[in-house]
Structure formats: C-alpha cells, structure tokens
C-alpha cells in the first residue's frame, strides 16, 4: 500500500511503544525526550501540549528525529476535520486521532485531509499520517459510559467493535481501544485495523485515572500495534529503566 494513500498505516513493525508527553510546555517535553534519549523514538503530543505549543512542537520532535502521534481526538463536521487533519499531517505527524463517534463521513474526511497534508510535506521526509478512531476512553467504565449515553446497560466490547466498524468504513488506519477489547476487534477486522492501546501499566503499577488497564506484554499479545506509555515511564524513578523493562517484556513477540 502506498504510504500516502487513505487508510495507510505508516508503521507496520511488530509493536511500537509510544511515550506520552503529557506536560504543559516544551520545557517539560524536552526533559522527557532528553532523559530517554535513544531509548524512545516515538512520542505522543496530546491536547495540553499542543494547545500550549501549537504545531511547532511536532516540528521540533521531527527535527530531533522522532516520530509523532498527535492525539487531538477531533470531532466536528467533516469539512472542519478534514482541514485540521491536513494541517496536522503537513507538520509531519505520523498518527492523528479523531473520535469514531463522529461517524464514517467524518473519519473519511480526516483520512483524505491527512493524505493531502502528508503529500504536501513529502519533500520533508513525511511517511504518511494514519487516522485512528478513538472508540471508548480507557478512563471510562460501563457505568460511566451508560450515564453519559443515557443507557441502563452498556456492553463495552460490543460498542468498541461497533465503533471500529465506522472507522473501517471510513478508511481509517486503526482504532484506539483498551487491551480488554483488542481481541474482539482483531476477531472482527483481523489486520484491517491497527490497534493503539492506551492505559498501559507495568506489573504492579498504579492505575491512576484509568479504569481499563493492561500490561505491555498482555496488550501486545491481544493484538496491539502501538502502546501508549505515560506515567508508567515518565513517572518512574528511572524512566530509562522503565523503557528497558517495557522492551524486554515485548521481546520475542511477533
């Protein structure tokens, strides 16, 4: 598949750990990036950091030789999302999130916009920007989802699989879901959707504000293509040692 085509997944190697830069400014991000050095070559830029620093934070990471996942969870009318995806991809992002609940047309618009933006920046070494649909946040459990959606009963796995179908129909590269739903999505879509799994914790690690969590090896075994590592690494007494532990836990997996 052409890496700039709609629905492409730029990274296809086994499992890719991504460290979350959940910090308020570039100074905080630089401390993490400098501290991890060669141990990490892929970072997540979320709403807090992107709002503070804008697209320049993506350009800075790309200049440092890092791949960038921009986690904005876009949810708007298709034309607006298309333009936003084009802009983010133009700055060199490899992955970008939208909310799957925005529907197939919105996902398709994001895919098309990202392809346009990546093509415009191809001369700067862009390898394409995959669109991932966020299904259900890992900070929510069935009770919280039911309250938000006005339903008495929610089957989380069924809802994730249903939302994954919207992303697949829109040509998305993959979805964001917890490791607990990964196997069901894999059963339904095989390799058609890459799975990005947040809520990763090392053995014995604190859950913090996440409800549906999993260890790196368990998430990889369930079918993850990308893992998001936040405080499990950045909040560890020795972040480099934590990354080494993650990589060791993934060793030998296909």
C-alpha atoms as a PDB file:
ATOM      1  CA  UNK A   1       0.000   0.000   0.000  1.00  0.00           C
ATOM      2  CA  UNK A   2       1.223   3.479  -0.839  1.00  0.00           C
ATOM      3  CA  UNK A   3       2.181   5.119   2.500  1.00  0.00           C
ATOM      4  CA  UNK A   4       0.407   8.317   1.489  1.00  0.00           C
ATOM      5  CA  UNK A   5      -2.827   6.624   0.443  1.00  0.00           C
ATOM      6  CA  UNK A   6      -6.021   6.899   2.511  1.00  0.00           C
ATOM      7  CA  UNK A   7      -6.198   4.263   5.214  1.00  0.00           C
ATOM      8  CA  UNK A   8      -2.461   3.618   5.247  1.00  0.00           C
ATOM      9  CA  UNK A   9      -0.634   2.632   8.413  1.00  0.00           C
ATOM     10  CA  UNK A  10       2.868   4.120   8.337  1.00  0.00           C
ATOM     11  CA  UNK A  11       4.400   1.792  10.951  1.00  0.00           C
ATOM     12  CA  UNK A  12       3.892  -1.931  10.448  1.00  0.00           C
ATOM     13  CA  UNK A  13       6.629  -3.479  12.581  1.00  0.00           C
ATOM     14  CA  UNK A  14       5.548  -5.673  15.472  1.00  0.00           C
ATOM     15  CA  UNK A  15       4.667  -3.435  18.437  1.00  0.00           C
ATOM     16  CA  UNK A  16       5.697   0.210  18.736  1.00  0.00           C
ATOM     17  CA  UNK A  17       5.914   1.800  22.208  1.00  0.00           C
ATOM     18  CA  UNK A  18       4.964   5.492  22.237  1.00  0.00           C
ATOM     19  CA  UNK A  19       5.740   7.691  25.237  1.00  0.00           C
ATOM     20  CA  UNK A  20       3.144  10.317  26.123  1.00  0.00           C
ATOM     21  CA  UNK A  21       4.373  13.877  26.567  1.00  0.00           C
ATOM     22  CA  UNK A  22       1.592  14.778  28.993  1.00  0.00           C
ATOM     23  CA  UNK A  23       3.253  18.002  30.096  1.00  0.00           C
ATOM     24  CA  UNK A  24       2.227  21.676  29.870  1.00  0.00           C
ATOM     25  CA  UNK A  25       5.078  23.048  27.760  1.00  0.00           C
ATOM     26  CA  UNK A  26       8.103  22.343  25.583  1.00  0.00           C
ATOM     27  CA  UNK A  27      10.488  22.574  28.517  1.00  0.00           C
ATOM     28  CA  UNK A  28       8.735  19.648  30.185  1.00  0.00           C
ATOM     29  CA  UNK A  29       8.690  17.729  26.928  1.00  0.00           C
ATOM     30  CA  UNK A  30      12.382  18.344  26.377  1.00  0.00           C
ATOM     31  CA  UNK A  31      13.241  16.989  29.821  1.00  0.00           C
ATOM     32  CA  UNK A  32      11.479  13.732  28.961  1.00  0.00           C
ATOM     33  CA  UNK A  33      12.935  13.463  25.461  1.00  0.00           C
ATOM     34  CA  UNK A  34      16.463  14.283  26.617  1.00  0.00           C
ATOM     35  CA  UNK A  35      16.139  11.930  29.564  1.00  0.00           C
ATOM     36  CA  UNK A  36      15.053   8.967  27.467  1.00  0.00           C
ATOM     37  CA  UNK A  37      17.494   9.708  24.666  1.00  0.00           C
ATOM     38  CA  UNK A  38      17.869   6.825  22.250  1.00  0.00           C
ATOM     39  CA  UNK A  39      15.560   4.624  24.336  1.00  0.00           C
ATOM     40  CA  UNK A  40      12.487   6.212  22.722  1.00  0.00           C
ATOM     41  CA  UNK A  41      11.953   7.361  19.159  1.00  0.00           C
ATOM     42  CA  UNK A  42       8.170   7.855  19.181  1.00  0.00           C
ATOM     43  CA  UNK A  43       6.178  10.364  21.240  1.00  0.00           C
ATOM     44  CA  UNK A  44       2.569  11.362  21.774  1.00  0.00           C
ATOM     45  CA  UNK A  45       1.561  15.021  21.775  1.00  0.00           C
ATOM     46  CA  UNK A  46      -1.843  15.480  23.388  1.00  0.00           C
ATOM     47  CA  UNK A  47      -4.253  18.354  23.825  1.00  0.00           C
ATOM     48  CA  UNK A  48      -2.447  20.072  26.697  1.00  0.00           C
ATOM     49  CA  UNK A  49       0.942  20.293  24.995  1.00  0.00           C
ATOM     50  CA  UNK A  50      -0.474  21.007  21.525  1.00  0.00           C
ATOM     51  CA  UNK A  51      -2.647  23.823  22.925  1.00  0.00           C
ATOM     52  CA  UNK A  52       0.373  25.351  24.627  1.00  0.00           C
ATOM     53  CA  UNK A  53       2.938  25.000  21.861  1.00  0.00           C
ATOM     54  CA  UNK A  54       0.967  24.519  18.645  1.00  0.00           C
ATOM     55  CA  UNK A  55       2.259  22.656  15.597  1.00  0.00           C
ATOM     56  CA  UNK A  56       5.812  23.793  16.327  1.00  0.00           C
ATOM     57  CA  UNK A  57       6.088  21.047  18.938  1.00  0.00           C
ATOM     58  CA  UNK A  58       5.559  18.477  16.185  1.00  0.00           C
ATOM     59  CA  UNK A  59       8.200  20.123  14.027  1.00  0.00           C
ATOM     60  CA  UNK A  60      10.614  20.184  16.971  1.00  0.00           C
ATOM     61  CA  UNK A  61      10.180  16.459  17.637  1.00  0.00           C
ATOM     62  CA  UNK A  62      10.516  15.645  13.953  1.00  0.00           C
ATOM     63  CA  UNK A  63      13.695  17.720  13.856  1.00  0.00           C
ATOM     64  CA  UNK A  64      15.020  15.614  16.719  1.00  0.00           C
ATOM     65  CA  UNK A  65      14.460  12.503  14.624  1.00  0.00           C
ATOM     66  CA  UNK A  66      11.341  11.353  16.492  1.00  0.00           C
ATOM     67  CA  UNK A  67       8.043  10.097  15.128  1.00  0.00           C
ATOM     68  CA  UNK A  68       4.970  11.895  16.452  1.00  0.00           C
ATOM     69  CA  UNK A  69       1.445  10.771  17.336  1.00  0.00           C
ATOM     70  CA  UNK A  70      -0.835  13.806  17.673  1.00  0.00           C
ATOM     71  CA  UNK A  71      -3.711  12.879  19.972  1.00  0.00           C
ATOM     72  CA  UNK A  72      -6.314  15.612  19.425  1.00  0.00           C
ATOM     73  CA  UNK A  73      -9.426  13.399  19.252  1.00  0.00           C
ATOM     74  CA  UNK A  74     -11.021  15.613  16.609  1.00  0.00           C
ATOM     75  CA  UNK A  75     -14.828  15.636  16.487  1.00  0.00           C
ATOM     76  CA  UNK A  76     -16.533  18.183  14.247  1.00  0.00           C
ATOM     77  CA  UNK A  77     -18.222  18.489  10.876  1.00  0.00           C
ATOM     78  CA  UNK A  78     -16.322  16.594   8.143  1.00  0.00           C
ATOM     79  CA  UNK A  79     -15.014  19.674   6.343  1.00  0.00           C
ATOM     80  CA  UNK A  80     -13.535  21.137   9.514  1.00  0.00           C
ATOM     81  CA  UNK A  81     -11.934  17.840  10.492  1.00  0.00           C
ATOM     82  CA  UNK A  82     -10.525  17.432   7.004  1.00  0.00           C
ATOM     83  CA  UNK A  83      -8.796  20.813   7.221  1.00  0.00           C
ATOM     84  CA  UNK A  84      -7.436  20.130  10.698  1.00  0.00           C
ATOM     85  CA  UNK A  85      -6.110  16.719   9.661  1.00  0.00           C
ATOM     86  CA  UNK A  86      -4.461  18.255   6.614  1.00  0.00           C
ATOM     87  CA  UNK A  87      -2.695  20.829   8.780  1.00  0.00           C
ATOM     88  CA  UNK A  88      -1.501  18.308  11.359  1.00  0.00           C
ATOM     89  CA  UNK A  89      -0.212  15.920   8.690  1.00  0.00           C
ATOM     90  CA  UNK A  90       1.552  18.744   6.891  1.00  0.00           C
ATOM     91  CA  UNK A  91       3.652  19.316  10.015  1.00  0.00           C
ATOM     92  CA  UNK A  92       4.917  15.743   9.977  1.00  0.00           C
ATOM     93  CA  UNK A  93       2.643  13.767  12.313  1.00  0.00           C
ATOM     94  CA  UNK A  94       2.620  10.011  11.730  1.00  0.00           C
ATOM     95  CA  UNK A  95      -0.663   9.363  13.549  1.00  0.00           C
ATOM     96  CA  UNK A  96      -3.685  11.536  14.415  1.00  0.00           C
ATOM     97  CA  UNK A  97      -6.827  10.692  16.375  1.00  0.00           C
ATOM     98  CA  UNK A  98     -10.458  11.539  15.720  1.00  0.00           C
ATOM     99  CA  UNK A  99     -13.497  10.369  17.678  1.00  0.00           C
ATOM    100  CA  UNK A 100     -15.022   7.325  15.993  1.00  0.00           C
ATOM    101  CA  UNK A 101     -18.433   8.532  17.185  1.00  0.00           C
ATOM    102  CA  UNK A 102     -18.116  11.386  14.679  1.00  0.00           C
ATOM    103  CA  UNK A 103     -19.192   8.854  12.063  1.00  0.00           C
ATOM    104  CA  UNK A 104     -17.888   7.336   8.865  1.00  0.00           C
ATOM    105  CA  UNK A 105     -18.033  10.528   6.798  1.00  0.00           C
ATOM    106  CA  UNK A 106     -16.028  12.444   9.364  1.00  0.00           C
ATOM    107  CA  UNK A 107     -13.421   9.676   9.533  1.00  0.00           C
ATOM    108  CA  UNK A 108     -13.208   9.595   5.739  1.00  0.00           C
ATOM    109  CA  UNK A 109     -12.741  13.370   5.631  1.00  0.00           C
ATOM    110  CA  UNK A 110      -9.899  13.092   8.147  1.00  0.00           C
ATOM    111  CA  UNK A 111      -8.241  10.334   6.111  1.00  0.00           C
ATOM    112  CA  UNK A 112      -8.450  12.425   2.939  1.00  0.00           C
ATOM    113  CA  UNK A 113      -7.182  15.557   4.675  1.00  0.00           C
ATOM    114  CA  UNK A 114      -4.277  13.690   6.258  1.00  0.00           C
ATOM    115  CA  UNK A 115      -3.286  12.220   2.888  1.00  0.00           C
ATOM    116  CA  UNK A 116      -3.303  15.694   1.351  1.00  0.00           C
ATOM    117  CA  UNK A 117      -1.218  17.170   4.155  1.00  0.00           C
ATOM    118  CA  UNK A 118       1.284  14.317   4.103  1.00  0.00           C
ATOM    119  CA  UNK A 119       1.673  14.646   0.341  1.00  0.00           C
ATOM    120  CA  UNK A 120       2.396  18.356   0.735  1.00  0.00           C
ATOM    121  CA  UNK A 121       5.166  17.626   3.258  1.00  0.00           C
ATOM    122  CA  UNK A 122       6.576  14.579   1.448  1.00  0.00           C
ATOM    123  CA  UNK A 123       9.641  16.566   0.485  1.00  0.00           C
ATOM    124  CA  UNK A 124      10.465  16.923   4.185  1.00  0.00           C
ATOM    125  CA  UNK A 125      10.546  13.160   4.657  1.00  0.00           C
ATOM    126  CA  UNK A 126       6.916  12.510   5.549  1.00  0.00           C
ATOM    127  CA  UNK A 127       5.960   8.834   5.589  1.00  0.00           C
ATOM    128  CA  UNK A 128       2.233   9.465   5.753  1.00  0.00           C
ATOM    129  CA  UNK A 129      -0.232  10.147   8.559  1.00  0.00           C
ATOM    130  CA  UNK A 130      -2.600   7.415   9.686  1.00  0.00           C
ATOM    131  CA  UNK A 131      -6.003   8.307  11.146  1.00  0.00           C
ATOM    132  CA  UNK A 132      -7.045   6.441  14.278  1.00  0.00           C
ATOM    133  CA  UNK A 133     -10.598   6.445  15.605  1.00  0.00           C
ATOM    134  CA  UNK A 134     -10.974   6.712  19.378  1.00  0.00           C
ATOM    135  CA  UNK A 135     -13.671   4.291  20.479  1.00  0.00           C
ATOM    136  CA  UNK A 136     -14.263   4.487  24.254  1.00  0.00           C
ATOM    137  CA  UNK A 137     -11.852   6.286  26.556  1.00  0.00           C
ATOM    138  CA  UNK A 138      -9.968   3.983  28.914  1.00  0.00           C
ATOM    139  CA  UNK A 139     -10.808   6.361  31.778  1.00  0.00           C
ATOM    140  CA  UNK A 140     -14.446   5.236  31.482  1.00  0.00           C
ATOM    141  CA  UNK A 141     -16.110   2.023  32.626  1.00  0.00           C
ATOM    142  CA  UNK A 142     -19.532   0.621  31.706  1.00  0.00           C
ATOM    143  CA  UNK A 143     -21.325   2.615  34.421  1.00  0.00           C
ATOM    144  CA  UNK A 144     -19.740   5.904  33.345  1.00  0.00           C
ATOM    145  CA  UNK A 145     -20.453   5.256  29.677  1.00  0.00           C
ATOM    146  CA  UNK A 146     -24.073   4.345  30.427  1.00  0.00           C
ATOM    147  CA  UNK A 147     -24.554   7.565  32.389  1.00  0.00           C
ATOM    148  CA  UNK A 148     -23.029   9.650  29.594  1.00  0.00           C
ATOM    149  CA  UNK A 149     -25.058   7.967  26.849  1.00  0.00           C
ATOM    150  CA  UNK A 150     -28.318   7.688  28.795  1.00  0.00           C
ATOM    151  CA  UNK A 151     -28.421   3.895  28.742  1.00  0.00           C
ATOM    152  CA  UNK A 152     -29.109   1.474  31.556  1.00  0.00           C
ATOM    153  CA  UNK A 153     -26.768  -1.173  30.197  1.00  0.00           C
ATOM    154  CA  UNK A 154     -23.605  -0.935  28.105  1.00  0.00           C
ATOM    155  CA  UNK A 155     -21.617  -3.815  26.698  1.00  0.00           C
ATOM    156  CA  UNK A 156     -18.276  -2.047  26.305  1.00  0.00           C
ATOM    157  CA  UNK A 157     -16.759  -4.622  23.969  1.00  0.00           C
ATOM    158  CA  UNK A 158     -19.762  -4.596  21.627  1.00  0.00           C
ATOM    159  CA  UNK A 159     -19.712  -0.814  21.485  1.00  0.00           C
ATOM    160  CA  UNK A 160     -15.985  -0.752  20.693  1.00  0.00           C
ATOM    161  CA  UNK A 161     -16.444  -3.271  17.874  1.00  0.00           C
ATOM    162  CA  UNK A 162     -19.388  -1.254  16.529  1.00  0.00           C
ATOM    163  CA  UNK A 163     -17.401   1.992  16.548  1.00  0.00           C
ATOM    164  CA  UNK A 164     -14.451   0.210  14.941  1.00  0.00           C
ATOM    165  CA  UNK A 165     -16.758  -0.594  12.045  1.00  0.00           C
ATOM    166  CA  UNK A 166     -17.346   3.120  11.444  1.00  0.00           C
ATOM    167  CA  UNK A 167     -13.600   3.696  11.328  1.00  0.00           C
ATOM    168  CA  UNK A 168     -13.033   0.785   8.949  1.00  0.00           C
ATOM    169  CA  UNK A 169     -15.796   2.024   6.651  1.00  0.00           C
ATOM    170  CA  UNK A 170     -14.195   5.480   6.602  1.00  0.00           C
ATOM    171  CA  UNK A 171     -10.801   4.111   5.612  1.00  0.00           C
ATOM    172  CA  UNK A 172      -9.096   4.742   8.958  1.00  0.00           C
ATOM    173  CA  UNK A 173      -5.754   3.146   9.699  1.00  0.00           C
ATOM    174  CA  UNK A 174      -6.868   1.838  13.072  1.00  0.00           C
ATOM    175  CA  UNK A 175      -8.580   2.489  16.356  1.00  0.00           C
ATOM    176  CA  UNK A 176      -7.808   3.362  19.943  1.00  0.00           C
ATOM    177  CA  UNK A 177      -9.264   0.933  22.448  1.00  0.00           C
ATOM    178  CA  UNK A 178      -8.300  -0.715  25.705  1.00  0.00           C
ATOM    179  CA  UNK A 179      -6.462  -4.003  25.694  1.00  0.00           C
ATOM    180  CA  UNK A 180      -9.584  -5.683  27.033  1.00  0.00           C
ATOM    181  CA  UNK A 181     -11.450  -5.116  23.763  1.00  0.00           C
ATOM    182  CA  UNK A 182      -8.488  -5.724  21.447  1.00  0.00           C
ATOM    183  CA  UNK A 183      -9.089  -9.426  20.864  1.00  0.00           C
ATOM    184  CA  UNK A 184     -12.714  -8.850  19.857  1.00  0.00           C
ATOM    185  CA  UNK A 185     -11.691  -6.154  17.376  1.00  0.00           C
ATOM    186  CA  UNK A 186      -8.993  -8.405  15.958  1.00  0.00           C
ATOM    187  CA  UNK A 187     -11.552 -11.198  15.555  1.00  0.00           C
ATOM    188  CA  UNK A 188     -13.853  -8.848  13.659  1.00  0.00           C
ATOM    189  CA  UNK A 189     -11.331  -6.986  11.485  1.00  0.00           C
ATOM    190  CA  UNK A 190      -8.087  -9.016  11.552  1.00  0.00           C
ATOM    191  CA  UNK A 191      -5.258  -6.814  10.256  1.00  0.00           C
ATOM    192  CA  UNK A 192      -7.554  -4.289   8.556  1.00  0.00           C
ATOM    193  CA  UNK A 193      -7.317  -2.007  11.605  1.00  0.00           C
ATOM    194  CA  UNK A 194      -4.192  -1.336  13.624  1.00  0.00           C
ATOM    195  CA  UNK A 195      -4.820  -1.181  17.370  1.00  0.00           C
ATOM    196  CA  UNK A 196      -3.391   1.532  19.582  1.00  0.00           C
ATOM    197  CA  UNK A 197      -3.702   0.635  23.246  1.00  0.00           C
ATOM    198  CA  UNK A 198      -3.501   3.290  25.989  1.00  0.00           C
ATOM    199  CA  UNK A 199      -3.873   2.609  29.700  1.00  0.00           C
ATOM    200  CA  UNK A 200      -0.627   0.616  29.788  1.00  0.00           C
ATOM    201  CA  UNK A 201       0.815  -0.094  33.216  1.00  0.00           C
ATOM    202  CA  UNK A 202       3.817  -2.141  34.262  1.00  0.00           C
ATOM    203  CA  UNK A 203       3.287  -5.069  36.618  1.00  0.00           C
ATOM    204  CA  UNK A 204       2.309  -3.643  39.991  1.00  0.00           C
ATOM    205  CA  UNK A 205       1.955  -0.096  38.630  1.00  0.00           C
ATOM    206  CA  UNK A 206      -0.763   2.311  39.810  1.00  0.00           C
ATOM    207  CA  UNK A 207      -3.916   2.682  37.685  1.00  0.00           C
ATOM    208  CA  UNK A 208      -4.101   6.479  38.243  1.00  0.00           C
ATOM    209  CA  UNK A 209      -7.217   7.778  36.402  1.00  0.00           C
ATOM    210  CA  UNK A 210      -7.509   4.818  34.056  1.00  0.00           C
ATOM    211  CA  UNK A 211     -10.185   2.152  34.509  1.00  0.00           C
ATOM    212  CA  UNK A 212      -9.390  -0.437  31.832  1.00  0.00           C
ATOM    213  CA  UNK A 213      -5.647  -1.056  32.005  1.00  0.00           C
ATOM    214  CA  UNK A 214      -3.235  -3.785  30.867  1.00  0.00           C
ATOM    215  CA  UNK A 215       0.471  -4.629  30.895  1.00  0.00           C
ATOM    216  CA  UNK A 216       2.556  -4.081  27.739  1.00  0.00           C
ATOM    217  CA  UNK A 217       3.006  -7.788  27.023  1.00  0.00           C
ATOM    218  CA  UNK A 218      -0.679  -8.590  27.562  1.00  0.00           C
ATOM    219  CA  UNK A 219      -1.738  -5.737  25.254  1.00  0.00           C
ATOM    220  CA  UNK A 220       0.742  -6.815  22.590  1.00  0.00           C
ATOM    221  CA  UNK A 221      -0.433 -10.408  22.830  1.00  0.00           C
ATOM    222  CA  UNK A 222      -4.016  -9.172  22.390  1.00  0.00           C
ATOM    223  CA  UNK A 223      -3.060  -7.595  19.067  1.00  0.00           C
ATOM    224  CA  UNK A 224      -1.767  -4.084  19.784  1.00  0.00           C
ATOM    225  CA  UNK A 225       0.311  -2.389  17.096  1.00  0.00           C
ATOM    226  CA  UNK A 226       1.089   0.673  19.211  1.00  0.00           C
ATOM    227  CA  UNK A 227       1.266   1.062  23.004  1.00  0.00           C
ATOM    228  CA  UNK A 228       0.914   4.373  24.843  1.00  0.00           C
ATOM    229  CA  UNK A 229       3.204   4.651  27.840  1.00  0.00           C
ATOM    230  CA  UNK A 230       2.517   7.579  30.144  1.00  0.00           C
ATOM    231  CA  UNK A 231       3.271   7.754  33.829  1.00  0.00           C
ATOM    232  CA  UNK A 232       4.410   4.128  33.797  1.00  0.00           C
ATOM    233  CA  UNK A 233       7.568   5.522  32.159  1.00  0.00           C
ATOM    234  CA  UNK A 234       7.631   9.291  32.676  1.00  0.00           C
ATOM    235  CA  UNK A 235       6.664   8.997  36.350  1.00  0.00           C
ATOM    236  CA  UNK A 236       9.064   6.159  37.096  1.00  0.00           C
ATOM    237  CA  UNK A 237      12.075   6.791  39.360  1.00  0.00           C
ATOM    238  CA  UNK A 238      14.242   5.694  36.425  1.00  0.00           C
ATOM    239  CA  UNK A 239      12.404   6.276  33.109  1.00  0.00           C
ATOM    240  CA  UNK A 240      15.175   4.669  31.048  1.00  0.00           C
ATOM    241  CA  UNK A 241      14.998   1.520  33.171  1.00  0.00           C
ATOM    242  CA  UNK A 242      11.200   1.525  32.786  1.00  0.00           C
ATOM    243  CA  UNK A 243      11.534   1.683  28.991  1.00  0.00           C
ATOM    244  CA  UNK A 244      14.070  -1.133  29.112  1.00  0.00           C
ATOM    245  CA  UNK A 245      11.575  -3.187  31.113  1.00  0.00           C
ATOM    246  CA  UNK A 246       8.860  -2.490  28.528  1.00  0.00           C
ATOM    247  CA  UNK A 247      11.072  -3.508  25.618  1.00  0.00           C
ATOM    248  CA  UNK A 248      12.194  -6.647  27.438  1.00  0.00           C
ATOM    249  CA  UNK A 249       8.566  -7.603  28.078  1.00  0.00           C
ATOM    250  CA  UNK A 250       7.846  -7.302  24.350  1.00  0.00           C
ATOM    251  CA  UNK A 251      10.891  -9.262  23.259  1.00  0.00           C
ATOM    252  CA  UNK A 252      10.108 -12.389  21.294  1.00  0.00           C
ATOM    253  CA  UNK A 253       6.563 -11.381  20.400  1.00  0.00           C
ATOM    254  CA  UNK A 254       5.682 -11.487  16.678  1.00  0.00           C
END
